[in-house]
N, C-alpha and C. Protein backbone atom coordinates (compact mmCIF):
# COMPACT_ATOMS: atom_id res chain seq x y z
N MET A 1 243.38 27.47 128.81
CA MET A 1 242.23 28.36 128.72
C MET A 1 242.47 29.60 129.59
N ARG A 2 242.17 30.79 129.03
CA ARG A 2 242.37 32.02 129.79
C ARG A 2 241.31 32.19 130.86
N GLU A 3 241.65 33.03 131.85
CA GLU A 3 240.73 33.21 132.98
C GLU A 3 239.37 33.72 132.53
N GLY A 4 239.35 34.66 131.58
CA GLY A 4 238.08 35.20 131.11
C GLY A 4 237.21 34.15 130.47
N ASP A 5 237.88 33.19 129.73
CA ASP A 5 237.11 32.12 129.11
C ASP A 5 236.55 31.17 130.15
N GLU A 6 237.33 30.91 131.22
CA GLU A 6 236.84 30.02 132.28
C GLU A 6 235.62 30.61 132.96
N LEU A 7 235.68 31.91 133.23
CA LEU A 7 234.54 32.56 133.87
C LEU A 7 233.32 32.50 132.96
N ALA A 8 233.56 32.69 131.68
CA ALA A 8 232.44 32.64 130.74
C ALA A 8 231.83 31.25 130.71
N ALA A 9 232.73 30.25 130.71
CA ALA A 9 232.22 28.88 130.70
C ALA A 9 231.47 28.56 131.99
N GLY A 10 231.98 29.05 133.12
CA GLY A 10 231.33 28.80 134.41
C GLY A 10 229.98 29.44 134.51
N SER A 11 229.77 30.56 133.84
CA SER A 11 228.48 31.25 133.90
C SER A 11 227.48 30.70 132.90
N GLY A 12 227.94 29.79 132.03
CA GLY A 12 227.05 29.24 131.02
C GLY A 12 226.90 30.11 129.80
N LEU A 13 227.63 31.23 129.73
CA LEU A 13 227.57 32.14 128.60
C LEU A 13 228.96 32.32 128.02
N THR A 14 229.03 32.45 126.72
CA THR A 14 230.30 32.75 126.09
C THR A 14 230.63 34.22 126.29
N ARG A 15 231.87 34.56 126.02
CA ARG A 15 232.28 35.96 126.17
C ARG A 15 231.46 36.85 125.25
N ASP A 16 231.19 36.40 124.03
CA ASP A 16 230.43 37.21 123.08
C ASP A 16 228.98 37.38 123.55
N GLU A 17 228.41 36.33 124.14
CA GLU A 17 227.04 36.44 124.64
C GLU A 17 226.94 37.44 125.79
N ARG A 18 227.94 37.42 126.65
CA ARG A 18 227.93 38.40 127.74
C ARG A 18 228.11 39.81 127.21
N ARG A 19 228.92 39.97 126.17
CA ARG A 19 229.14 41.28 125.59
C ARG A 19 227.86 41.83 124.96
N ARG A 20 227.05 40.97 124.42
CA ARG A 20 225.84 41.39 123.73
C ARG A 20 224.61 41.41 124.64
N ASP A 21 224.79 41.04 125.89
CA ASP A 21 223.68 41.02 126.85
C ASP A 21 223.17 42.45 127.09
N PRO A 22 221.87 42.72 126.86
CA PRO A 22 221.35 44.09 127.02
C PRO A 22 221.14 44.52 128.47
N SER A 23 221.31 43.64 129.44
CA SER A 23 220.95 43.97 130.83
C SER A 23 221.78 45.12 131.38
N ARG A 24 223.05 45.22 131.00
CA ARG A 24 223.87 46.31 131.53
C ARG A 24 223.46 47.65 130.94
N VAL A 25 223.07 47.66 129.67
CA VAL A 25 222.59 48.90 129.06
C VAL A 25 221.31 49.36 129.75
N LEU A 26 220.41 48.41 130.05
CA LEU A 26 219.17 48.74 130.73
C LEU A 26 219.41 49.24 132.14
N ALA A 27 220.37 48.61 132.85
CA ALA A 27 220.67 49.04 134.21
C ALA A 27 221.20 50.47 134.23
N LEU A 28 222.10 50.77 133.30
CA LEU A 28 222.63 52.14 133.22
C LEU A 28 221.53 53.12 132.89
N THR A 29 220.68 52.77 131.94
CA THR A 29 219.59 53.67 131.53
C THR A 29 218.65 53.96 132.69
N ASP A 30 218.25 52.94 133.42
CA ASP A 30 217.34 53.13 134.55
C ASP A 30 217.97 54.04 135.61
N GLY A 31 219.25 53.82 135.89
CA GLY A 31 219.93 54.63 136.89
C GLY A 31 220.04 56.09 136.48
N VAL A 32 220.38 56.33 135.22
CA VAL A 32 220.53 57.70 134.74
C VAL A 32 219.19 58.43 134.75
N TYR A 33 218.13 57.76 134.32
CA TYR A 33 216.82 58.43 134.32
C TYR A 33 216.33 58.71 135.74
N ALA A 34 216.67 57.86 136.69
CA ALA A 34 216.32 58.12 138.08
C ALA A 34 217.01 59.40 138.57
N ILE A 35 218.26 59.57 138.18
CA ILE A 35 219.00 60.79 138.57
C ILE A 35 218.42 62.02 137.88
N ILE A 36 218.09 61.88 136.60
CA ILE A 36 217.54 63.01 135.85
C ILE A 36 216.25 63.51 136.50
N ILE A 37 215.36 62.59 136.84
CA ILE A 37 214.08 62.98 137.45
C ILE A 37 214.31 63.64 138.81
N THR A 38 215.29 63.12 139.56
CA THR A 38 215.61 63.74 140.85
C THR A 38 216.13 65.16 140.67
N LEU A 39 217.01 65.37 139.70
CA LEU A 39 217.55 66.70 139.45
C LEU A 39 216.47 67.68 139.00
N LEU A 40 215.49 67.19 138.26
CA LEU A 40 214.41 68.05 137.80
C LEU A 40 213.63 68.65 138.97
N VAL A 41 213.28 67.82 139.93
CA VAL A 41 212.45 68.29 141.04
C VAL A 41 213.23 69.19 142.00
N LEU A 42 214.55 69.08 141.99
CA LEU A 42 215.35 69.91 142.89
C LEU A 42 215.30 71.39 142.53
N ASP A 43 214.85 71.70 141.33
CA ASP A 43 214.77 73.10 140.92
C ASP A 43 213.51 73.79 141.45
N ILE A 44 212.60 73.02 142.05
CA ILE A 44 211.39 73.61 142.63
C ILE A 44 211.64 73.91 144.10
N HIS A 45 211.53 75.17 144.47
CA HIS A 45 211.82 75.58 145.84
C HIS A 45 210.58 76.17 146.50
N VAL A 46 210.48 75.98 147.79
CA VAL A 46 209.40 76.60 148.56
C VAL A 46 209.62 78.11 148.57
N PRO A 47 208.62 78.90 148.18
CA PRO A 47 208.83 80.36 148.11
C PRO A 47 209.01 80.99 149.49
N THR A 48 209.79 82.04 149.51
CA THR A 48 210.01 82.82 150.74
C THR A 48 209.15 84.08 150.68
N LEU A 49 208.36 84.30 151.72
CA LEU A 49 207.48 85.46 151.73
C LEU A 49 208.26 86.72 152.09
N GLU A 50 208.09 87.74 151.26
CA GLU A 50 208.63 89.06 151.56
C GLU A 50 207.62 89.84 152.40
N ALA A 51 208.01 90.99 152.84
CA ALA A 51 207.12 91.81 153.66
C ALA A 51 205.85 92.16 152.88
N HIS A 52 204.71 91.97 153.54
CA HIS A 52 203.40 92.28 152.98
C HIS A 52 203.07 91.44 151.73
N GLU A 53 203.74 90.34 151.54
CA GLU A 53 203.46 89.47 150.40
C GLU A 53 202.62 88.28 150.85
N THR A 54 201.63 87.92 150.08
CA THR A 54 200.79 86.78 150.42
C THR A 54 201.40 85.49 149.86
N LEU A 55 200.98 84.37 150.44
CA LEU A 55 201.48 83.09 149.96
C LEU A 55 201.04 82.84 148.52
N GLY A 56 199.82 83.27 148.20
CA GLY A 56 199.34 83.08 146.84
C GLY A 56 200.21 83.80 145.82
N THR A 57 200.63 85.01 146.15
CA THR A 57 201.51 85.76 145.25
C THR A 57 202.86 85.08 145.12
N ALA A 58 203.39 84.60 146.25
CA ALA A 58 204.69 83.94 146.22
C ALA A 58 204.64 82.65 145.41
N ILE A 59 203.54 81.90 145.55
CA ILE A 59 203.41 80.64 144.80
C ILE A 59 203.30 80.92 143.31
N SER A 60 202.61 82.01 142.95
CA SER A 60 202.48 82.34 141.52
C SER A 60 203.84 82.61 140.90
N GLU A 61 204.80 83.07 141.70
CA GLU A 61 206.14 83.30 141.19
C GLU A 61 206.90 82.00 140.94
N VAL A 62 206.45 80.93 141.62
CA VAL A 62 207.08 79.63 141.44
C VAL A 62 206.43 78.85 140.30
N ARG A 63 205.31 79.36 139.79
CA ARG A 63 204.56 78.64 138.76
C ARG A 63 205.40 78.27 137.54
N PRO A 64 206.26 79.15 137.03
CA PRO A 64 207.09 78.74 135.88
C PRO A 64 207.95 77.51 136.17
N SER A 65 208.41 77.38 137.41
CA SER A 65 209.20 76.20 137.77
C SER A 65 208.36 74.93 137.69
N PHE A 66 207.11 75.02 138.15
CA PHE A 66 206.22 73.86 138.09
C PHE A 66 205.92 73.47 136.63
N ILE A 67 205.69 74.49 135.80
CA ILE A 67 205.36 74.21 134.39
C ILE A 67 206.54 73.56 133.68
N SER A 68 207.73 74.15 133.83
CA SER A 68 208.90 73.59 133.15
C SER A 68 209.24 72.21 133.70
N PHE A 69 209.07 72.01 135.02
CA PHE A 69 209.32 70.69 135.61
C PHE A 69 208.37 69.65 135.03
N THR A 70 207.09 70.01 134.94
CA THR A 70 206.09 69.05 134.44
C THR A 70 206.38 68.64 133.01
N ILE A 71 206.69 69.62 132.15
CA ILE A 71 206.98 69.30 130.76
C ILE A 71 208.22 68.42 130.67
N ALA A 72 209.30 68.82 131.37
CA ALA A 72 210.55 68.07 131.29
C ALA A 72 210.40 66.67 131.89
N PHE A 73 209.64 66.56 132.98
CA PHE A 73 209.43 65.25 133.61
C PHE A 73 208.72 64.30 132.65
N ILE A 74 207.66 64.79 132.01
CA ILE A 74 206.90 63.92 131.10
C ILE A 74 207.74 63.56 129.88
N VAL A 75 208.55 64.50 129.40
CA VAL A 75 209.43 64.18 128.27
C VAL A 75 210.43 63.10 128.68
N ALA A 76 211.00 63.23 129.88
CA ALA A 76 211.92 62.20 130.38
C ALA A 76 211.21 60.86 130.51
N ALA A 77 209.97 60.89 130.99
CA ALA A 77 209.20 59.65 131.11
C ALA A 77 208.93 59.04 129.74
N MET A 78 208.59 59.87 128.76
CA MET A 78 208.36 59.39 127.40
C MET A 78 209.61 58.74 126.83
N GLN A 79 210.76 59.36 127.10
CA GLN A 79 212.03 58.81 126.61
C GLN A 79 212.33 57.46 127.26
N TRP A 80 212.14 57.39 128.57
CA TRP A 80 212.42 56.13 129.27
C TRP A 80 211.47 55.02 128.82
N VAL A 81 210.21 55.36 128.67
CA VAL A 81 209.22 54.37 128.23
C VAL A 81 209.54 53.89 126.82
N GLY A 82 209.91 54.82 125.94
CA GLY A 82 210.27 54.43 124.59
C GLY A 82 211.47 53.50 124.56
N HIS A 83 212.46 53.79 125.39
CA HIS A 83 213.64 52.94 125.48
C HIS A 83 213.26 51.57 126.04
N ARG A 84 212.38 51.56 127.02
CA ARG A 84 211.92 50.29 127.60
C ARG A 84 211.18 49.46 126.56
N ASP A 85 210.26 50.09 125.82
CA ASP A 85 209.51 49.37 124.79
C ASP A 85 210.45 48.80 123.73
N LEU A 86 211.44 49.60 123.34
CA LEU A 86 212.39 49.13 122.33
C LEU A 86 213.16 47.90 122.82
N PHE A 87 213.59 47.93 124.07
CA PHE A 87 214.43 46.84 124.57
C PHE A 87 213.64 45.58 124.89
N THR A 88 212.32 45.66 124.90
CA THR A 88 211.55 44.42 124.97
C THR A 88 211.65 43.64 123.66
N LEU A 89 212.03 44.34 122.59
CA LEU A 89 212.19 43.70 121.28
C LEU A 89 213.61 43.20 121.04
N ILE A 90 214.56 43.75 121.81
CA ILE A 90 215.97 43.48 121.54
C ILE A 90 216.45 42.24 122.29
N ARG A 91 217.09 41.34 121.56
CA ARG A 91 217.67 40.14 122.14
C ARG A 91 219.14 40.35 122.50
N ASP A 92 219.88 40.99 121.59
CA ASP A 92 221.31 41.23 121.76
C ASP A 92 221.62 42.68 121.43
N THR A 93 222.62 43.21 122.08
CA THR A 93 223.09 44.55 121.74
C THR A 93 224.33 44.43 120.87
N ASP A 94 224.56 45.43 120.07
CA ASP A 94 225.81 45.53 119.33
C ASP A 94 226.42 46.90 119.61
N ARG A 95 227.52 47.18 118.96
CA ARG A 95 228.22 48.45 119.21
C ARG A 95 227.31 49.65 118.94
N GLY A 96 226.53 49.58 117.86
CA GLY A 96 225.65 50.70 117.52
C GLY A 96 224.59 50.96 118.57
N ILE A 97 223.96 49.90 119.06
CA ILE A 97 222.91 50.06 120.06
C ILE A 97 223.48 50.63 121.37
N VAL A 98 224.66 50.18 121.74
CA VAL A 98 225.29 50.68 122.97
C VAL A 98 225.53 52.18 122.86
N TRP A 99 226.13 52.62 121.76
CA TRP A 99 226.46 54.04 121.62
C TRP A 99 225.22 54.89 121.37
N LEU A 100 224.25 54.36 120.67
CA LEU A 100 223.02 55.12 120.47
C LEU A 100 222.23 55.23 121.77
N SER A 101 222.29 54.21 122.62
CA SER A 101 221.68 54.32 123.95
C SER A 101 222.36 55.41 124.77
N LEU A 102 223.67 55.48 124.66
CA LEU A 102 224.40 56.55 125.36
C LEU A 102 224.03 57.92 124.79
N LEU A 103 223.77 57.98 123.49
CA LEU A 103 223.34 59.24 122.89
C LEU A 103 221.99 59.68 123.44
N THR A 104 221.06 58.72 123.59
CA THR A 104 219.76 59.07 124.16
C THR A 104 219.91 59.56 125.61
N LEU A 105 220.84 58.97 126.34
CA LEU A 105 221.09 59.42 127.71
C LEU A 105 221.70 60.82 127.72
N PHE A 106 222.60 61.07 126.78
CA PHE A 106 223.22 62.40 126.71
C PHE A 106 222.16 63.49 126.51
N THR A 107 221.25 63.26 125.57
CA THR A 107 220.22 64.28 125.33
C THR A 107 219.28 64.40 126.53
N ALA A 108 218.94 63.28 127.15
CA ALA A 108 218.05 63.33 128.31
C ALA A 108 218.71 64.03 129.49
N CYS A 109 220.02 63.89 129.63
CA CYS A 109 220.73 64.54 130.74
C CYS A 109 220.69 66.06 130.64
N LEU A 110 220.38 66.59 129.48
CA LEU A 110 220.28 68.04 129.31
C LEU A 110 218.94 68.59 129.77
N LEU A 111 217.98 67.70 130.05
CA LEU A 111 216.64 68.16 130.45
C LEU A 111 216.63 68.99 131.72
N PRO A 112 217.37 68.61 132.79
CA PRO A 112 217.37 69.46 133.99
C PRO A 112 217.89 70.87 133.71
N PHE A 113 218.92 70.99 132.87
CA PHE A 113 219.41 72.33 132.50
C PHE A 113 218.34 73.10 131.74
N GLY A 114 217.72 72.47 130.76
CA GLY A 114 216.69 73.15 129.99
C GLY A 114 215.51 73.56 130.84
N SER A 115 215.12 72.69 131.77
CA SER A 115 214.00 73.00 132.66
C SER A 115 214.32 74.19 133.57
N ALA A 116 215.53 74.19 134.13
CA ALA A 116 215.94 75.29 135.01
C ALA A 116 216.02 76.61 134.24
N LEU A 117 216.55 76.54 133.02
CA LEU A 117 216.66 77.74 132.19
C LEU A 117 215.28 78.30 131.87
N LEU A 118 214.36 77.41 131.52
CA LEU A 118 213.01 77.85 131.16
C LEU A 118 212.27 78.41 132.37
N SER A 119 212.47 77.84 133.54
CA SER A 119 211.76 78.32 134.73
C SER A 119 212.18 79.73 135.11
N ARG A 120 213.42 80.10 134.81
CA ARG A 120 213.91 81.43 135.16
C ARG A 120 213.66 82.46 134.07
N TYR A 121 213.65 82.03 132.82
CA TYR A 121 213.54 82.98 131.71
C TYR A 121 212.45 82.52 130.74
N HIS A 122 211.27 82.21 131.28
CA HIS A 122 210.22 81.63 130.46
C HIS A 122 209.63 82.60 129.45
N GLN A 123 209.91 83.88 129.60
CA GLN A 123 209.43 84.87 128.63
C GLN A 123 210.48 85.21 127.58
N ASP A 124 211.66 84.65 127.72
CA ASP A 124 212.76 84.95 126.80
C ASP A 124 212.74 83.95 125.63
N PRO A 125 212.65 84.43 124.40
CA PRO A 125 212.63 83.51 123.25
C PRO A 125 213.86 82.61 123.18
N LEU A 126 215.02 83.13 123.61
CA LEU A 126 216.23 82.31 123.56
C LEU A 126 216.12 81.11 124.49
N ALA A 127 215.59 81.33 125.69
CA ALA A 127 215.40 80.23 126.64
C ALA A 127 214.43 79.20 126.08
N LEU A 128 213.35 79.67 125.48
CA LEU A 128 212.37 78.76 124.89
C LEU A 128 212.98 77.95 123.74
N ARG A 129 213.83 78.60 122.96
CA ARG A 129 214.44 77.89 121.83
C ARG A 129 215.50 76.90 122.30
N MET A 130 216.25 77.27 123.32
CA MET A 130 217.23 76.31 123.84
C MET A 130 216.54 75.10 124.44
N PHE A 131 215.45 75.34 125.16
CA PHE A 131 214.65 74.23 125.69
C PHE A 131 214.13 73.37 124.54
N GLY A 132 213.69 74.03 123.47
CA GLY A 132 213.19 73.30 122.32
C GLY A 132 214.27 72.48 121.65
N LEU A 133 215.48 73.02 121.55
CA LEU A 133 216.57 72.26 120.95
C LEU A 133 216.86 70.98 121.74
N ILE A 134 216.77 71.07 123.06
CA ILE A 134 216.99 69.88 123.89
C ILE A 134 215.90 68.84 123.64
N LEU A 135 214.64 69.30 123.57
CA LEU A 135 213.54 68.37 123.31
C LEU A 135 213.65 67.76 121.91
N ILE A 136 214.05 68.57 120.95
CA ILE A 136 214.24 68.06 119.59
C ILE A 136 215.33 66.99 119.58
N ALA A 137 216.41 67.25 120.33
CA ALA A 137 217.50 66.28 120.38
C ALA A 137 217.06 64.96 121.02
N THR A 138 216.21 65.04 122.04
CA THR A 138 215.72 63.80 122.66
C THR A 138 214.89 62.98 121.68
N SER A 139 214.04 63.65 120.91
CA SER A 139 213.21 62.93 119.95
C SER A 139 214.06 62.37 118.80
N LEU A 140 215.04 63.13 118.36
CA LEU A 140 215.90 62.64 117.29
C LEU A 140 216.67 61.40 117.72
N SER A 141 217.20 61.42 118.94
CA SER A 141 217.96 60.27 119.42
C SER A 141 217.07 59.05 119.55
N ARG A 142 215.84 59.25 120.00
CA ARG A 142 214.90 58.13 120.10
C ARG A 142 214.56 57.58 118.71
N THR A 143 214.39 58.47 117.75
CA THR A 143 214.08 58.05 116.39
C THR A 143 215.23 57.24 115.79
N ILE A 144 216.45 57.72 115.98
CA ILE A 144 217.62 57.07 115.39
C ILE A 144 217.80 55.66 115.95
N ILE A 145 217.71 55.51 117.27
CA ILE A 145 217.93 54.18 117.84
C ILE A 145 216.79 53.24 117.47
N TRP A 146 215.56 53.74 117.33
CA TRP A 146 214.45 52.89 116.92
C TRP A 146 214.69 52.35 115.51
N VAL A 147 215.05 53.23 114.57
CA VAL A 147 215.29 52.80 113.20
C VAL A 147 216.47 51.84 113.14
N TYR A 148 217.53 52.17 113.85
CA TYR A 148 218.72 51.32 113.81
C TYR A 148 218.42 49.91 114.33
N ALA A 149 217.79 49.82 115.49
CA ALA A 149 217.59 48.50 116.12
C ALA A 149 216.56 47.67 115.38
N THR A 150 215.45 48.27 114.98
CA THR A 150 214.38 47.48 114.37
C THR A 150 214.69 47.07 112.94
N ARG A 151 215.69 47.69 112.32
CA ARG A 151 216.08 47.31 110.96
C ARG A 151 217.20 46.26 110.95
N ARG A 152 217.56 45.73 112.13
CA ARG A 152 218.62 44.73 112.22
C ARG A 152 218.06 43.44 112.83
N PRO A 153 217.69 42.48 112.01
CA PRO A 153 217.11 41.23 112.52
C PRO A 153 218.04 40.48 113.47
N SER A 154 219.33 40.73 113.38
CA SER A 154 220.28 39.98 114.21
C SER A 154 220.21 40.37 115.69
N VAL A 155 219.61 41.51 116.02
CA VAL A 155 219.59 41.95 117.41
C VAL A 155 218.22 41.85 118.06
N VAL A 156 217.17 41.58 117.27
CA VAL A 156 215.82 41.53 117.85
C VAL A 156 215.38 40.08 118.00
N HIS A 157 214.41 39.88 118.89
CA HIS A 157 213.89 38.52 119.10
C HIS A 157 213.20 38.00 117.85
N ASP A 158 212.32 38.84 117.29
CA ASP A 158 211.58 38.47 116.09
C ASP A 158 211.58 39.65 115.13
N PRO A 159 211.51 39.41 113.84
CA PRO A 159 211.44 40.51 112.87
C PRO A 159 210.26 41.44 113.17
N ILE A 160 210.48 42.73 113.03
CA ILE A 160 209.44 43.72 113.30
C ILE A 160 208.60 43.92 112.05
N ASP A 161 207.29 43.74 112.17
CA ASP A 161 206.44 43.91 110.99
C ASP A 161 206.37 45.38 110.60
N ARG A 162 205.99 45.61 109.38
CA ARG A 162 206.00 46.96 108.81
C ARG A 162 205.12 47.94 109.59
N ALA A 163 203.93 47.49 109.96
CA ALA A 163 203.01 48.37 110.69
C ALA A 163 203.58 48.77 112.04
N SER A 164 204.18 47.82 112.75
CA SER A 164 204.77 48.13 114.06
C SER A 164 205.95 49.08 113.92
N PHE A 165 206.74 48.87 112.88
CA PHE A 165 207.88 49.76 112.64
C PHE A 165 207.41 51.19 112.45
N TRP A 166 206.43 51.39 111.59
CA TRP A 166 205.97 52.74 111.30
C TRP A 166 205.23 53.36 112.48
N SER A 167 204.55 52.56 113.26
CA SER A 167 203.88 53.08 114.46
C SER A 167 204.91 53.57 115.48
N GLY A 168 205.95 52.76 115.70
CA GLY A 168 207.00 53.18 116.62
C GLY A 168 207.72 54.41 116.12
N LEU A 169 207.93 54.49 114.81
CA LEU A 169 208.58 55.67 114.24
C LEU A 169 207.71 56.91 114.41
N ALA A 170 206.40 56.75 114.23
CA ALA A 170 205.49 57.88 114.39
C ALA A 170 205.52 58.41 115.82
N LEU A 171 205.62 57.52 116.79
CA LEU A 171 205.67 57.95 118.19
C LEU A 171 206.94 58.73 118.49
N SER A 172 208.00 58.49 117.73
CA SER A 172 209.24 59.23 117.91
C SER A 172 209.22 60.56 117.17
N VAL A 173 208.66 60.55 115.98
CA VAL A 173 208.71 61.73 115.12
C VAL A 173 207.62 62.74 115.47
N PHE A 174 206.46 62.25 115.92
CA PHE A 174 205.34 63.15 116.19
C PHE A 174 205.69 64.24 117.21
N PRO A 175 206.28 63.89 118.37
CA PRO A 175 206.67 64.96 119.29
C PRO A 175 207.72 65.89 118.68
N LEU A 176 208.59 65.35 117.85
CA LEU A 176 209.62 66.16 117.20
C LEU A 176 209.00 67.28 116.38
N VAL A 177 207.95 66.97 115.64
CA VAL A 177 207.27 67.98 114.83
C VAL A 177 206.69 69.08 115.73
N ILE A 178 206.09 68.68 116.85
CA ILE A 178 205.51 69.66 117.77
C ILE A 178 206.60 70.56 118.36
N TYR A 179 207.73 69.97 118.73
CA TYR A 179 208.82 70.77 119.28
C TYR A 179 209.36 71.78 118.26
N VAL A 180 209.42 71.37 117.01
CA VAL A 180 209.89 72.28 115.97
C VAL A 180 208.92 73.46 115.82
N VAL A 181 207.62 73.18 115.88
CA VAL A 181 206.63 74.26 115.80
C VAL A 181 206.79 75.22 116.98
N ALA A 182 206.93 74.67 118.19
CA ALA A 182 207.10 75.51 119.37
C ALA A 182 208.37 76.35 119.27
N PHE A 183 209.43 75.75 118.75
CA PHE A 183 210.69 76.47 118.54
C PHE A 183 210.48 77.64 117.58
N ALA A 184 209.72 77.39 116.52
CA ALA A 184 209.53 78.40 115.48
C ALA A 184 208.73 79.60 115.97
N VAL A 185 207.74 79.35 116.83
CA VAL A 185 206.88 80.45 117.27
C VAL A 185 207.41 81.16 118.52
N ALA A 186 208.54 80.71 119.05
CA ALA A 186 209.07 81.31 120.28
C ALA A 186 209.35 82.80 120.12
N GLY A 187 209.82 83.19 118.94
CA GLY A 187 210.12 84.61 118.72
C GLY A 187 208.90 85.46 118.52
N VAL A 188 207.76 84.83 118.23
CA VAL A 188 206.53 85.57 118.00
C VAL A 188 205.74 85.72 119.30
N SER A 189 205.58 84.61 120.02
CA SER A 189 204.81 84.62 121.27
C SER A 189 205.39 83.59 122.22
N ALA A 190 205.91 84.07 123.35
CA ALA A 190 206.47 83.15 124.34
C ALA A 190 205.38 82.26 124.93
N GLY A 191 204.22 82.84 125.18
CA GLY A 191 203.12 82.07 125.75
C GLY A 191 202.65 80.97 124.82
N ALA A 192 202.55 81.29 123.52
CA ALA A 192 202.12 80.30 122.54
C ALA A 192 203.14 79.18 122.43
N SER A 193 204.41 79.54 122.44
CA SER A 193 205.48 78.54 122.36
C SER A 193 205.42 77.59 123.55
N LEU A 194 205.26 78.14 124.74
CA LEU A 194 205.18 77.30 125.94
C LEU A 194 203.94 76.40 125.89
N ALA A 195 202.85 76.93 125.39
CA ALA A 195 201.63 76.12 125.28
C ALA A 195 201.80 74.96 124.31
N VAL A 196 202.52 75.21 123.22
CA VAL A 196 202.77 74.14 122.25
C VAL A 196 203.65 73.06 122.87
N TYR A 197 204.70 73.48 123.60
CA TYR A 197 205.53 72.50 124.30
C TYR A 197 204.69 71.65 125.26
N ALA A 198 203.81 72.32 125.99
CA ALA A 198 202.98 71.61 126.97
C ALA A 198 201.97 70.68 126.30
N SER A 199 201.59 70.98 125.05
CA SER A 199 200.61 70.14 124.36
C SER A 199 201.22 68.84 123.86
N ALA A 200 202.53 68.79 123.70
CA ALA A 200 203.17 67.61 123.13
C ALA A 200 202.88 66.33 123.91
N PRO A 201 203.05 66.32 125.25
CA PRO A 201 202.73 65.08 125.98
C PRO A 201 201.27 64.66 125.86
N VAL A 202 200.37 65.65 125.85
CA VAL A 202 198.94 65.32 125.73
C VAL A 202 198.66 64.65 124.39
N LEU A 203 199.17 65.25 123.32
CA LEU A 203 198.97 64.68 121.99
C LEU A 203 199.67 63.34 121.85
N TYR A 204 200.80 63.19 122.51
CA TYR A 204 201.53 61.92 122.49
C TYR A 204 200.67 60.80 123.09
N PHE A 205 200.08 61.08 124.25
CA PHE A 205 199.26 60.05 124.91
C PHE A 205 198.00 59.74 124.10
N ILE A 206 197.43 60.74 123.46
CA ILE A 206 196.28 60.48 122.60
C ILE A 206 196.69 59.57 121.44
N THR A 207 197.83 59.87 120.84
CA THR A 207 198.32 59.09 119.70
C THR A 207 198.59 57.65 120.09
N ILE A 208 199.29 57.45 121.20
CA ILE A 208 199.65 56.08 121.59
C ILE A 208 198.41 55.29 122.00
N THR A 209 197.43 55.97 122.59
CA THR A 209 196.18 55.28 122.96
C THR A 209 195.44 54.82 121.71
N LEU A 210 195.39 55.67 120.69
CA LEU A 210 194.73 55.30 119.44
C LEU A 210 195.46 54.15 118.75
N LEU A 211 196.80 54.21 118.77
CA LEU A 211 197.58 53.14 118.14
C LEU A 211 197.32 51.80 118.82
N ARG A 212 197.26 51.82 120.13
CA ARG A 212 197.02 50.58 120.87
C ARG A 212 195.63 50.01 120.57
N ARG A 213 194.63 50.89 120.50
CA ARG A 213 193.27 50.42 120.30
C ARG A 213 193.01 49.95 118.87
N LEU A 214 193.66 50.58 117.91
CA LEU A 214 193.43 50.25 116.51
C LEU A 214 194.32 49.12 116.01
N ALA A 215 195.36 48.79 116.78
CA ALA A 215 196.31 47.76 116.33
C ALA A 215 195.67 46.38 116.40
N PRO A 216 196.04 45.49 115.48
CA PRO A 216 195.52 44.11 115.52
C PRO A 216 196.00 43.39 116.78
N GLN A 217 195.26 42.39 117.19
CA GLN A 217 195.65 41.58 118.34
C GLN A 217 197.00 40.90 118.06
N GLY A 218 197.87 40.96 119.05
CA GLY A 218 199.17 40.30 118.93
C GLY A 218 200.24 41.14 118.28
N SER A 219 199.92 42.34 117.79
CA SER A 219 200.93 43.19 117.16
C SER A 219 201.72 43.92 118.23
N GLU A 220 202.88 44.42 117.83
CA GLU A 220 203.75 45.11 118.77
C GLU A 220 203.13 46.41 119.28
N GLU A 221 202.31 47.06 118.43
CA GLU A 221 201.69 48.33 118.85
C GLU A 221 200.85 48.15 120.12
N ARG A 222 200.27 46.96 120.29
CA ARG A 222 199.46 46.68 121.48
C ARG A 222 200.28 46.77 122.75
N GLN A 223 201.61 46.59 122.62
CA GLN A 223 202.47 46.58 123.79
C GLN A 223 203.13 47.93 124.06
N PHE A 224 202.94 48.89 123.16
CA PHE A 224 203.55 50.22 123.37
C PHE A 224 202.98 50.82 124.66
N THR A 225 203.88 51.38 125.44
CA THR A 225 203.45 51.98 126.71
C THR A 225 203.16 53.44 126.46
């Protein structure tokens, strides 16, 4: 017997079971999101007062940083929560889930760059659109991994009922639609585009609250965070 097989036998798990164990994917995801959130807040700096400048004026100059940080932080939180909710359903990982989880991390890792870009050039349509592309990518990656995992009975604890599948899909796609609208209006009005981006988390929480309250007892929607 090879050494790897002995270790597997000693741990009570076969090599294949250890390979499909989702705990390592979750550990990596939690660590990466912790770093992302830390990087986001590092872009907020205490303002330096110039001659004859009031603190109120200096703080108003930092306001774009606070706005972009808040939007990006909540988007990162939505992504992490969605990944957490999905993995409560997953029993085993396969090659697709591993790489799609890495894809979700890749898109989320771009959030600090997008937030910093938006805080400095919040009136520039290009900055707003690049920020929007990052948000669109995060929603797309969440949508793809949700569809992939929930359509494979071999990796989930129990088959996902139709209503729960569509509810989870709606939570992924709904923000995507809002981001596309904000992207589209960026060239017309920077303020309107930023307001639409900021509305996405609010509408997301309203949607998920309604889904939880309207869902039947015992359904997966009741467990959505």
